[in-house]
């Protein structure tokens, strides 16, 4: 992907804005499906995530880790996402210590640790008492709402840990 336009949004920002728009356009249909068949509503949400992710060359999964969250349509695309970049990657192109340092710098009072360190794989967990972000060489999983700091960190991850940038508008 090309470098972002100066001052333009990062790739995570672009993807989540696109996802929020796509889900927003289908909110009425999703609400109707939720009443009739939550499984069909979930399938539609997953399909929209897949379509948006395909536009960016990634797999995008909208998650609902806690009971009842699927009912909160206003939060679709604003928390709990998985972005699968490339399943074949087993190592980061930068040192894990850089990811941990940037997480602390950008997110403030967070804890970081090495994670998923088996079978020649590596990963980083960034977390607080109430949320976490799991960063793996092939994907990252955001288990919190996207406030400006989380979004900025995820934009940084896309550019510097995965080498992906938003295309200029």
N, C-alpha and C. Protein backbone atom coordinates (compact mmCIF):
# COMPACT_ATOMS: atom_id res chain seq x y z
N UNK A 1 0.85 -1.18 0.00
CA UNK A 1 0.00 0.00 0.00
C UNK A 1 0.89 1.23 0.00
N UNK A 2 0.35 2.32 -0.46
CA UNK A 2 1.11 3.55 -0.56
C UNK A 2 1.21 4.25 0.79
N UNK A 3 2.14 5.19 0.88
CA UNK A 3 2.29 6.00 2.09
C UNK A 3 1.07 6.89 2.25
N UNK A 4 0.71 7.20 3.50
CA UNK A 4 -0.46 8.04 3.70
C UNK A 4 -0.18 9.47 3.26
N UNK A 5 -1.25 10.16 2.94
CA UNK A 5 -1.12 11.58 2.64
C UNK A 5 -0.67 12.28 3.91
N UNK A 6 0.16 13.33 3.82
CA UNK A 6 0.61 14.01 5.02
C UNK A 6 -0.58 14.43 5.88
N UNK A 7 -0.52 14.05 7.15
CA UNK A 7 -1.59 14.40 8.07
C UNK A 7 -2.85 13.59 7.88
N UNK A 8 -2.84 12.67 6.90
CA UNK A 8 -4.02 11.86 6.63
C UNK A 8 -4.17 10.75 7.66
N UNK A 9 -5.31 10.10 7.63
CA UNK A 9 -5.53 9.04 8.61
C UNK A 9 -4.66 7.83 8.33
N UNK A 10 -4.38 7.08 9.37
CA UNK A 10 -3.64 5.84 9.21
C UNK A 10 -4.56 4.76 8.69
N UNK A 11 -3.99 3.61 8.41
CA UNK A 11 -4.75 2.52 7.81
C UNK A 11 -5.82 1.98 8.76
N UNK A 12 -5.49 1.81 10.03
CA UNK A 12 -6.50 1.32 10.98
C UNK A 12 -7.68 2.30 11.02
N UNK A 13 -7.39 3.58 11.05
CA UNK A 13 -8.46 4.60 11.04
C UNK A 13 -9.32 4.48 9.80
N UNK A 14 -8.68 4.29 8.66
CA UNK A 14 -9.42 4.17 7.40
C UNK A 14 -10.29 2.91 7.39
N UNK A 15 -9.73 1.80 7.84
CA UNK A 15 -10.47 0.54 7.86
C UNK A 15 -11.66 0.64 8.80
N UNK A 16 -11.45 1.16 10.00
CA UNK A 16 -12.55 1.22 10.96
C UNK A 16 -13.62 2.21 10.52
N UNK A 17 -13.23 3.31 9.90
CA UNK A 17 -14.23 4.26 9.37
C UNK A 17 -15.06 3.59 8.28
N UNK A 18 -14.39 2.86 7.38
CA UNK A 18 -15.08 2.14 6.32
C UNK A 18 -16.03 1.10 6.91
N UNK A 19 -15.54 0.34 7.90
CA UNK A 19 -16.37 -0.68 8.54
C UNK A 19 -17.58 -0.06 9.24
N UNK A 20 -17.36 1.01 9.97
CA UNK A 20 -18.46 1.67 10.66
C UNK A 20 -19.51 2.17 9.67
N UNK A 21 -19.07 2.72 8.55
CA UNK A 21 -20.00 3.17 7.52
C UNK A 21 -20.79 2.02 6.92
N UNK A 22 -20.10 0.93 6.60
CA UNK A 22 -20.77 -0.23 6.00
C UNK A 22 -21.77 -0.85 6.97
N UNK A 23 -21.37 -1.00 8.22
CA UNK A 23 -22.29 -1.54 9.22
C UNK A 23 -23.45 -0.59 9.48
N UNK A 24 -23.15 0.71 9.48
CA UNK A 24 -24.20 1.71 9.70
C UNK A 24 -25.26 1.67 8.61
N UNK A 25 -24.84 1.46 7.37
CA UNK A 25 -25.79 1.38 6.26
C UNK A 25 -26.71 0.17 6.37
N UNK A 26 -26.25 -0.86 7.08
CA UNK A 26 -27.05 -2.09 7.22
C UNK A 26 -27.67 -2.24 8.61
N UNK A 27 -27.61 -1.20 9.43
CA UNK A 27 -28.11 -1.32 10.81
C UNK A 27 -29.57 -1.73 10.87
N UNK A 28 -30.42 -1.15 10.03
CA UNK A 28 -31.84 -1.50 10.07
C UNK A 28 -32.04 -2.98 9.77
N UNK A 29 -31.35 -3.47 8.73
CA UNK A 29 -31.46 -4.89 8.39
C UNK A 29 -30.92 -5.77 9.53
N UNK A 30 -29.81 -5.37 10.11
CA UNK A 30 -29.21 -6.16 11.19
C UNK A 30 -30.14 -6.20 12.40
N UNK A 31 -30.74 -5.06 12.75
CA UNK A 31 -31.68 -5.04 13.88
C UNK A 31 -32.86 -5.98 13.63
N UNK A 32 -33.37 -5.97 12.41
CA UNK A 32 -34.48 -6.87 12.06
C UNK A 32 -34.04 -8.33 12.19
N UNK A 33 -32.84 -8.62 11.68
CA UNK A 33 -32.32 -9.98 11.79
C UNK A 33 -32.09 -10.39 13.25
N UNK A 34 -31.64 -9.44 14.08
CA UNK A 34 -31.42 -9.74 15.50
C UNK A 34 -32.71 -10.21 16.17
N UNK A 35 -33.83 -9.61 15.78
CA UNK A 35 -35.12 -10.01 16.36
C UNK A 35 -35.54 -11.39 15.88
N UNK A 36 -35.29 -11.68 14.61
CA UNK A 36 -35.71 -12.95 14.01
C UNK A 36 -34.73 -14.08 14.27
N UNK A 37 -33.44 -13.77 14.06
CA UNK A 37 -32.42 -14.81 14.17
C UNK A 37 -31.05 -14.18 14.44
N UNK A 38 -30.64 -14.15 15.71
CA UNK A 38 -29.33 -13.58 16.02
C UNK A 38 -28.19 -14.22 15.22
N UNK A 39 -28.32 -15.49 14.90
CA UNK A 39 -27.28 -16.16 14.11
C UNK A 39 -27.18 -15.56 12.71
N UNK A 40 -28.32 -15.24 12.10
CA UNK A 40 -28.30 -14.60 10.78
C UNK A 40 -27.74 -13.19 10.87
N UNK A 41 -28.08 -12.48 11.95
CA UNK A 41 -27.53 -11.13 12.14
C UNK A 41 -26.02 -11.21 12.26
N UNK A 42 -25.53 -12.15 13.06
CA UNK A 42 -24.09 -12.32 13.21
C UNK A 42 -23.44 -12.66 11.87
N UNK A 43 -24.06 -13.54 11.11
CA UNK A 43 -23.53 -13.91 9.79
C UNK A 43 -23.43 -12.68 8.89
N UNK A 44 -24.42 -11.81 8.92
CA UNK A 44 -24.39 -10.60 8.10
C UNK A 44 -23.27 -9.66 8.55
N UNK A 45 -23.10 -9.51 9.85
CA UNK A 45 -22.03 -8.66 10.39
C UNK A 45 -20.67 -9.20 9.96
N UNK A 46 -20.49 -10.52 10.06
CA UNK A 46 -19.24 -11.16 9.65
C UNK A 46 -19.00 -10.94 8.15
N UNK A 47 -20.05 -11.06 7.37
CA UNK A 47 -19.95 -10.85 5.92
C UNK A 47 -19.52 -9.41 5.61
N UNK A 48 -20.09 -8.44 6.28
CA UNK A 48 -19.71 -7.04 6.06
C UNK A 48 -18.25 -6.85 6.44
N UNK A 49 -17.82 -7.40 7.57
CA UNK A 49 -16.41 -7.31 7.96
C UNK A 49 -15.50 -7.92 6.92
N UNK A 50 -15.90 -9.07 6.38
CA UNK A 50 -15.10 -9.73 5.35
C UNK A 50 -14.98 -8.85 4.10
N UNK A 51 -16.10 -8.24 3.69
CA UNK A 51 -16.10 -7.37 2.50
C UNK A 51 -15.20 -6.16 2.71
N UNK A 52 -15.30 -5.52 3.86
CA UNK A 52 -14.45 -4.35 4.14
C UNK A 52 -12.99 -4.77 4.19
N UNK A 53 -12.69 -5.84 4.89
CA UNK A 53 -11.31 -6.30 4.98
C UNK A 53 -10.71 -6.62 3.62
N UNK A 54 -11.50 -7.22 2.74
CA UNK A 54 -11.02 -7.56 1.40
C UNK A 54 -10.58 -6.33 0.63
N UNK A 55 -11.25 -5.20 0.87
CA UNK A 55 -10.85 -3.96 0.18
C UNK A 55 -9.45 -3.51 0.57
N UNK A 56 -8.98 -3.96 1.73
CA UNK A 56 -7.66 -3.57 2.23
C UNK A 56 -6.66 -4.72 2.21
N UNK A 57 -7.07 -5.85 1.66
CA UNK A 57 -6.16 -6.99 1.57
C UNK A 57 -5.91 -7.69 2.89
N UNK A 58 -6.86 -7.59 3.83
CA UNK A 58 -6.73 -8.27 5.12
C UNK A 58 -8.02 -9.02 5.42
N UNK A 59 -7.98 -9.85 6.45
CA UNK A 59 -9.20 -10.47 6.96
C UNK A 59 -9.61 -9.67 8.20
N UNK A 60 -10.83 -9.19 8.21
CA UNK A 60 -11.34 -8.35 9.29
C UNK A 60 -12.50 -9.08 9.95
N UNK A 61 -12.39 -9.27 11.26
CA UNK A 61 -13.42 -10.00 12.00
C UNK A 61 -13.99 -9.10 13.10
N UNK A 62 -15.30 -8.93 13.08
CA UNK A 62 -16.00 -8.21 14.13
C UNK A 62 -16.35 -9.23 15.21
N UNK A 63 -15.85 -9.01 16.43
CA UNK A 63 -16.04 -9.96 17.51
C UNK A 63 -17.07 -9.46 18.52
N UNK A 64 -17.70 -10.41 19.19
CA UNK A 64 -18.63 -10.11 20.27
C UNK A 64 -18.26 -11.00 21.46
N UNK A 65 -17.22 -10.61 22.21
CA UNK A 65 -16.69 -11.50 23.24
C UNK A 65 -17.56 -11.62 24.49
N UNK A 66 -18.50 -10.71 24.67
CA UNK A 66 -19.35 -10.76 25.86
C UNK A 66 -20.81 -10.83 25.45
N UNK A 67 -21.57 -11.59 26.22
CA UNK A 67 -22.98 -11.74 25.95
C UNK A 67 -23.67 -10.37 25.92
N UNK A 68 -24.55 -10.20 24.94
CA UNK A 68 -25.33 -8.97 24.83
C UNK A 68 -24.71 -7.90 23.95
N UNK A 69 -23.43 -8.03 23.65
CA UNK A 69 -22.77 -6.98 22.85
C UNK A 69 -23.31 -6.90 21.42
N UNK A 70 -23.79 -7.99 20.90
CA UNK A 70 -24.32 -7.96 19.54
C UNK A 70 -25.56 -7.06 19.46
N UNK A 71 -26.23 -6.83 20.57
CA UNK A 71 -27.40 -5.96 20.62
C UNK A 71 -27.01 -4.48 20.55
N UNK A 72 -25.77 -4.15 20.85
CA UNK A 72 -25.30 -2.76 20.91
C UNK A 72 -24.84 -2.29 19.53
N UNK A 73 -25.81 -2.09 18.63
CA UNK A 73 -25.50 -1.79 17.23
C UNK A 73 -24.71 -0.50 17.07
N UNK A 74 -24.87 0.45 17.98
CA UNK A 74 -24.13 1.71 17.88
C UNK A 74 -22.63 1.53 18.09
N UNK A 75 -22.22 0.38 18.62
CA UNK A 75 -20.80 0.12 18.87
C UNK A 75 -20.15 -0.75 17.80
N UNK A 76 -20.92 -1.19 16.81
CA UNK A 76 -20.34 -2.02 15.75
C UNK A 76 -19.18 -1.28 15.09
N UNK A 77 -18.05 -1.97 14.99
CA UNK A 77 -16.88 -1.39 14.33
C UNK A 77 -16.12 -0.40 15.19
N UNK A 78 -16.50 -0.29 16.47
CA UNK A 78 -15.87 0.66 17.38
C UNK A 78 -15.14 -0.03 18.54
N UNK A 79 -15.17 -1.37 18.54
CA UNK A 79 -14.46 -2.15 19.55
C UNK A 79 -14.39 -3.61 19.09
N UNK A 80 -13.51 -4.36 19.72
CA UNK A 80 -13.45 -5.81 19.58
C UNK A 80 -13.31 -6.27 18.12
N UNK A 81 -12.18 -5.92 17.52
CA UNK A 81 -11.90 -6.34 16.14
C UNK A 81 -10.64 -7.19 16.08
N UNK A 82 -10.62 -8.09 15.13
CA UNK A 82 -9.41 -8.84 14.78
C UNK A 82 -9.03 -8.48 13.35
N UNK A 83 -7.77 -8.16 13.15
CA UNK A 83 -7.25 -7.85 11.82
C UNK A 83 -6.16 -8.86 11.51
N UNK A 84 -6.43 -9.74 10.56
CA UNK A 84 -5.47 -10.76 10.17
C UNK A 84 -4.77 -10.26 8.92
N UNK A 85 -3.48 -10.02 9.06
CA UNK A 85 -2.68 -9.40 8.01
C UNK A 85 -2.13 -10.45 7.05
N UNK A 86 -1.46 -11.46 7.59
CA UNK A 86 -0.81 -12.48 6.76
C UNK A 86 -0.50 -13.69 7.64
N UNK A 87 -1.29 -14.76 7.48
CA UNK A 87 -1.12 -15.95 8.32
C UNK A 87 0.28 -16.55 8.27
N UNK A 88 1.03 -16.30 7.22
CA UNK A 88 2.34 -16.94 7.10
C UNK A 88 3.42 -16.27 7.94
N UNK A 89 3.18 -15.08 8.44
CA UNK A 89 4.20 -14.37 9.24
C UNK A 89 4.32 -14.99 10.63
N UNK A 90 5.56 -15.30 11.00
CA UNK A 90 5.81 -15.86 12.33
C UNK A 90 6.66 -14.93 13.19
N UNK A 91 7.30 -13.96 12.57
CA UNK A 91 8.18 -13.03 13.29
C UNK A 91 7.81 -11.60 12.88
N UNK A 92 8.01 -10.67 13.81
CA UNK A 92 7.81 -9.26 13.51
C UNK A 92 9.00 -8.73 12.72
N UNK A 93 8.78 -7.72 11.85
CA UNK A 93 9.91 -7.11 11.15
C UNK A 93 10.68 -6.14 12.05
N UNK A 94 10.14 -5.84 13.23
CA UNK A 94 10.82 -5.00 14.21
C UNK A 94 10.88 -5.77 15.53
N UNK A 95 11.76 -5.35 16.41
CA UNK A 95 11.90 -6.03 17.69
C UNK A 95 10.66 -5.82 18.56
N UNK A 96 10.26 -6.86 19.27
CA UNK A 96 9.10 -6.77 20.17
C UNK A 96 9.26 -5.65 21.18
N UNK A 97 10.49 -5.38 21.60
CA UNK A 97 10.70 -4.32 22.60
C UNK A 97 10.24 -2.96 22.07
N UNK A 98 10.33 -2.75 20.76
CA UNK A 98 9.87 -1.49 20.16
C UNK A 98 8.35 -1.41 20.26
N UNK A 99 7.68 -2.50 20.00
CA UNK A 99 6.21 -2.52 20.10
C UNK A 99 5.78 -2.22 21.53
N UNK A 100 6.45 -2.85 22.49
CA UNK A 100 6.10 -2.63 23.90
C UNK A 100 6.38 -1.19 24.31
N UNK A 101 7.50 -0.65 23.87
CA UNK A 101 7.84 0.74 24.22
C UNK A 101 6.83 1.72 23.62
N UNK A 102 6.48 1.50 22.36
CA UNK A 102 5.49 2.39 21.71
C UNK A 102 4.12 2.27 22.37
N UNK A 103 3.75 1.07 22.77
CA UNK A 103 2.47 0.89 23.47
C UNK A 103 2.45 1.70 24.75
N UNK A 104 3.51 1.61 25.53
CA UNK A 104 3.58 2.38 26.78
C UNK A 104 3.58 3.88 26.51
N UNK A 105 4.33 4.29 25.50
CA UNK A 105 4.41 5.71 25.14
C UNK A 105 3.07 6.25 24.65
N UNK A 106 2.40 5.50 23.79
CA UNK A 106 1.18 5.99 23.15
C UNK A 106 -0.08 5.77 23.98
N UNK A 107 -0.08 4.70 24.79
CA UNK A 107 -1.31 4.34 25.52
C UNK A 107 -1.27 4.70 26.99
N UNK A 108 -0.12 5.12 27.47
CA UNK A 108 -0.04 5.55 28.86
C UNK A 108 0.13 4.39 29.82
N UNK A 109 -0.69 4.34 30.83
CA UNK A 109 -0.55 3.39 31.93
C UNK A 109 -1.05 2.01 31.52
N UNK A 110 -0.23 1.29 30.76
CA UNK A 110 -0.56 -0.07 30.33
C UNK A 110 0.56 -1.01 30.74
N UNK A 111 0.25 -2.28 30.77
CA UNK A 111 1.24 -3.31 31.00
C UNK A 111 1.51 -3.99 29.66
N UNK A 112 2.74 -4.44 29.47
CA UNK A 112 3.09 -5.16 28.25
C UNK A 112 3.86 -6.41 28.63
N UNK A 113 3.72 -7.44 27.81
CA UNK A 113 4.47 -8.67 28.05
C UNK A 113 4.60 -9.44 26.75
N UNK A 114 5.64 -10.26 26.69
CA UNK A 114 5.76 -11.19 25.57
C UNK A 114 4.64 -12.21 25.72
N UNK A 115 4.09 -12.64 24.59
CA UNK A 115 2.98 -13.58 24.61
C UNK A 115 3.09 -14.53 23.42
N UNK A 116 2.45 -15.66 23.54
CA UNK A 116 2.37 -16.65 22.46
C UNK A 116 3.74 -17.11 21.99
N UNK A 117 4.69 -17.23 22.92
CA UNK A 117 6.07 -17.54 22.57
C UNK A 117 6.28 -19.06 22.53
N UNK A 118 5.85 -19.68 21.42
CA UNK A 118 6.03 -21.12 21.25
C UNK A 118 6.12 -21.41 19.76
N UNK A 119 6.65 -22.57 19.42
CA UNK A 119 6.79 -23.01 18.03
C UNK A 119 7.40 -21.93 17.13
N UNK A 120 8.46 -21.29 17.62
CA UNK A 120 9.16 -20.24 16.88
C UNK A 120 8.24 -19.07 16.52
N UNK A 121 7.23 -18.84 17.33
CA UNK A 121 6.33 -17.71 17.12
C UNK A 121 6.63 -16.67 18.19
N UNK A 122 6.11 -15.48 17.99
CA UNK A 122 6.28 -14.44 18.98
C UNK A 122 5.05 -13.55 18.99
N UNK A 123 4.87 -12.84 20.07
CA UNK A 123 3.75 -11.93 20.18
C UNK A 123 3.93 -11.00 21.36
N UNK A 124 3.05 -10.02 21.43
CA UNK A 124 3.06 -9.03 22.51
C UNK A 124 1.63 -8.84 22.99
N UNK A 125 1.46 -8.80 24.28
CA UNK A 125 0.16 -8.45 24.86
C UNK A 125 0.31 -7.09 25.53
N UNK A 126 -0.62 -6.20 25.19
CA UNK A 126 -0.70 -4.86 25.79
C UNK A 126 -2.03 -4.86 26.53
N UNK A 127 -2.02 -4.49 27.82
CA UNK A 127 -3.27 -4.62 28.56
C UNK A 127 -3.35 -3.71 29.79
N UNK A 128 -4.58 -3.56 30.25
CA UNK A 128 -4.88 -2.93 31.53
C UNK A 128 -5.76 -3.93 32.28
N UNK A 129 -6.31 -3.52 33.39
CA UNK A 129 -7.21 -4.39 34.13
C UNK A 129 -8.52 -4.63 33.38
N UNK A 130 -8.84 -3.75 32.43
CA UNK A 130 -10.16 -3.85 31.78
C UNK A 130 -10.12 -4.15 30.28
N UNK A 131 -8.97 -4.15 29.63
CA UNK A 131 -8.92 -4.44 28.21
C UNK A 131 -7.54 -4.94 27.80
N UNK A 132 -7.46 -5.42 26.55
CA UNK A 132 -6.16 -5.87 26.03
C UNK A 132 -6.11 -5.75 24.51
N UNK A 133 -4.89 -5.72 24.02
CA UNK A 133 -4.60 -5.80 22.59
C UNK A 133 -3.55 -6.88 22.44
N UNK A 134 -3.87 -7.91 21.67
CA UNK A 134 -2.92 -8.98 21.39
C UNK A 134 -2.31 -8.70 20.02
N UNK A 135 -0.97 -8.60 19.99
CA UNK A 135 -0.25 -8.28 18.76
C UNK A 135 0.61 -9.48 18.38
N UNK A 136 0.30 -10.06 17.23
CA UNK A 136 1.04 -11.21 16.72
C UNK A 136 1.64 -10.83 15.37
N UNK A 137 2.66 -11.52 14.92
CA UNK A 137 3.25 -11.16 13.63
C UNK A 137 2.25 -11.19 12.47
N UNK A 138 1.26 -12.06 12.54
CA UNK A 138 0.31 -12.20 11.44
C UNK A 138 -1.00 -11.44 11.66
N UNK A 139 -1.25 -10.95 12.88
CA UNK A 139 -2.55 -10.34 13.17
C UNK A 139 -2.49 -9.55 14.47
N UNK A 140 -3.52 -8.73 14.67
CA UNK A 140 -3.71 -8.17 16.00
C UNK A 140 -5.18 -8.11 16.33
N UNK A 141 -5.45 -8.18 17.64
CA UNK A 141 -6.80 -8.33 18.14
C UNK A 141 -7.01 -7.27 19.22
N UNK A 142 -7.97 -6.40 18.99
CA UNK A 142 -8.22 -5.27 19.87
C UNK A 142 -9.48 -5.57 20.68
N UNK A 143 -9.31 -5.73 21.98
CA UNK A 143 -10.41 -6.10 22.86
C UNK A 143 -10.78 -4.92 23.76
N UNK A 144 -11.12 -3.80 23.12
CA UNK A 144 -11.53 -2.60 23.83
C UNK A 144 -12.17 -1.65 22.83
N UNK A 145 -12.75 -0.56 23.35
CA UNK A 145 -13.26 0.49 22.47
C UNK A 145 -12.09 1.27 21.90
N UNK A 146 -12.29 1.80 20.69
CA UNK A 146 -11.23 2.53 20.01
C UNK A 146 -11.32 4.01 20.37
N UNK A 147 -10.60 4.40 21.41
CA UNK A 147 -10.49 5.83 21.72
C UNK A 147 -9.34 6.38 20.88
N UNK A 148 -9.09 7.68 20.91
CA UNK A 148 -8.02 8.24 20.06
C UNK A 148 -6.64 7.61 20.31
N UNK A 149 -6.32 7.27 21.55
CA UNK A 149 -5.00 6.68 21.82
C UNK A 149 -4.91 5.26 21.25
N UNK A 150 -5.96 4.46 21.44
CA UNK A 150 -5.96 3.10 20.90
C UNK A 150 -5.89 3.16 19.38
N UNK A 151 -6.66 4.05 18.78
CA UNK A 151 -6.65 4.19 17.32
C UNK A 151 -5.27 4.60 16.82
N UNK A 152 -4.64 5.56 17.47
CA UNK A 152 -3.30 6.00 17.07
C UNK A 152 -2.30 4.85 17.18
N UNK A 153 -2.37 4.07 18.25
CA UNK A 153 -1.47 2.93 18.42
C UNK A 153 -1.71 1.90 17.31
N UNK A 154 -2.96 1.62 17.00
CA UNK A 154 -3.27 0.65 15.94
C UNK A 154 -2.84 1.17 14.57
N UNK A 155 -2.97 2.48 14.32
CA UNK A 155 -2.44 3.07 13.08
C UNK A 155 -0.93 2.86 13.03
N UNK A 156 -0.25 3.08 14.15
CA UNK A 156 1.20 2.89 14.21
C UNK A 156 1.54 1.41 13.93
N UNK A 157 0.80 0.50 14.57
CA UNK A 157 1.05 -0.94 14.33
C UNK A 157 0.96 -1.27 12.85
N UNK A 158 -0.11 -0.82 12.21
CA UNK A 158 -0.31 -1.13 10.78
C UNK A 158 0.89 -0.65 9.96
N UNK A 159 1.36 0.56 10.25
CA UNK A 159 2.46 1.13 9.47
C UNK A 159 3.82 0.54 9.84
N UNK A 160 4.11 0.44 11.13
CA UNK A 160 5.46 0.11 11.54
C UNK A 160 5.70 -1.36 11.91
N UNK A 161 4.68 -2.04 12.40
CA UNK A 161 4.86 -3.46 12.73
C UNK A 161 4.45 -4.36 11.55
N UNK A 162 3.60 -3.84 10.66
CA UNK A 162 3.14 -4.65 9.53
C UNK A 162 3.51 -4.06 8.17
N UNK A 163 4.01 -2.82 8.15
CA UNK A 163 4.45 -2.21 6.90
C UNK A 163 3.31 -1.85 5.95
N UNK A 164 2.12 -1.61 6.48
CA UNK A 164 0.97 -1.26 5.65
C UNK A 164 0.56 0.19 5.90
N UNK A 165 0.23 0.89 4.84
CA UNK A 165 -0.15 2.29 4.97
C UNK A 165 -1.42 2.55 4.18
N UNK A 166 -2.14 3.57 4.63
CA UNK A 166 -3.37 3.98 3.92
C UNK A 166 -3.00 4.61 2.60
N UNK A 167 -3.85 4.40 1.62
CA UNK A 167 -3.68 5.05 0.33
C UNK A 167 -4.17 6.50 0.44
N UNK A 168 -3.50 7.43 -0.24
CA UNK A 168 -3.96 8.82 -0.20
C UNK A 168 -5.38 8.94 -0.76
N UNK A 169 -6.14 9.86 -0.20
CA UNK A 169 -7.53 10.06 -0.66
C UNK A 169 -7.55 10.66 -2.06
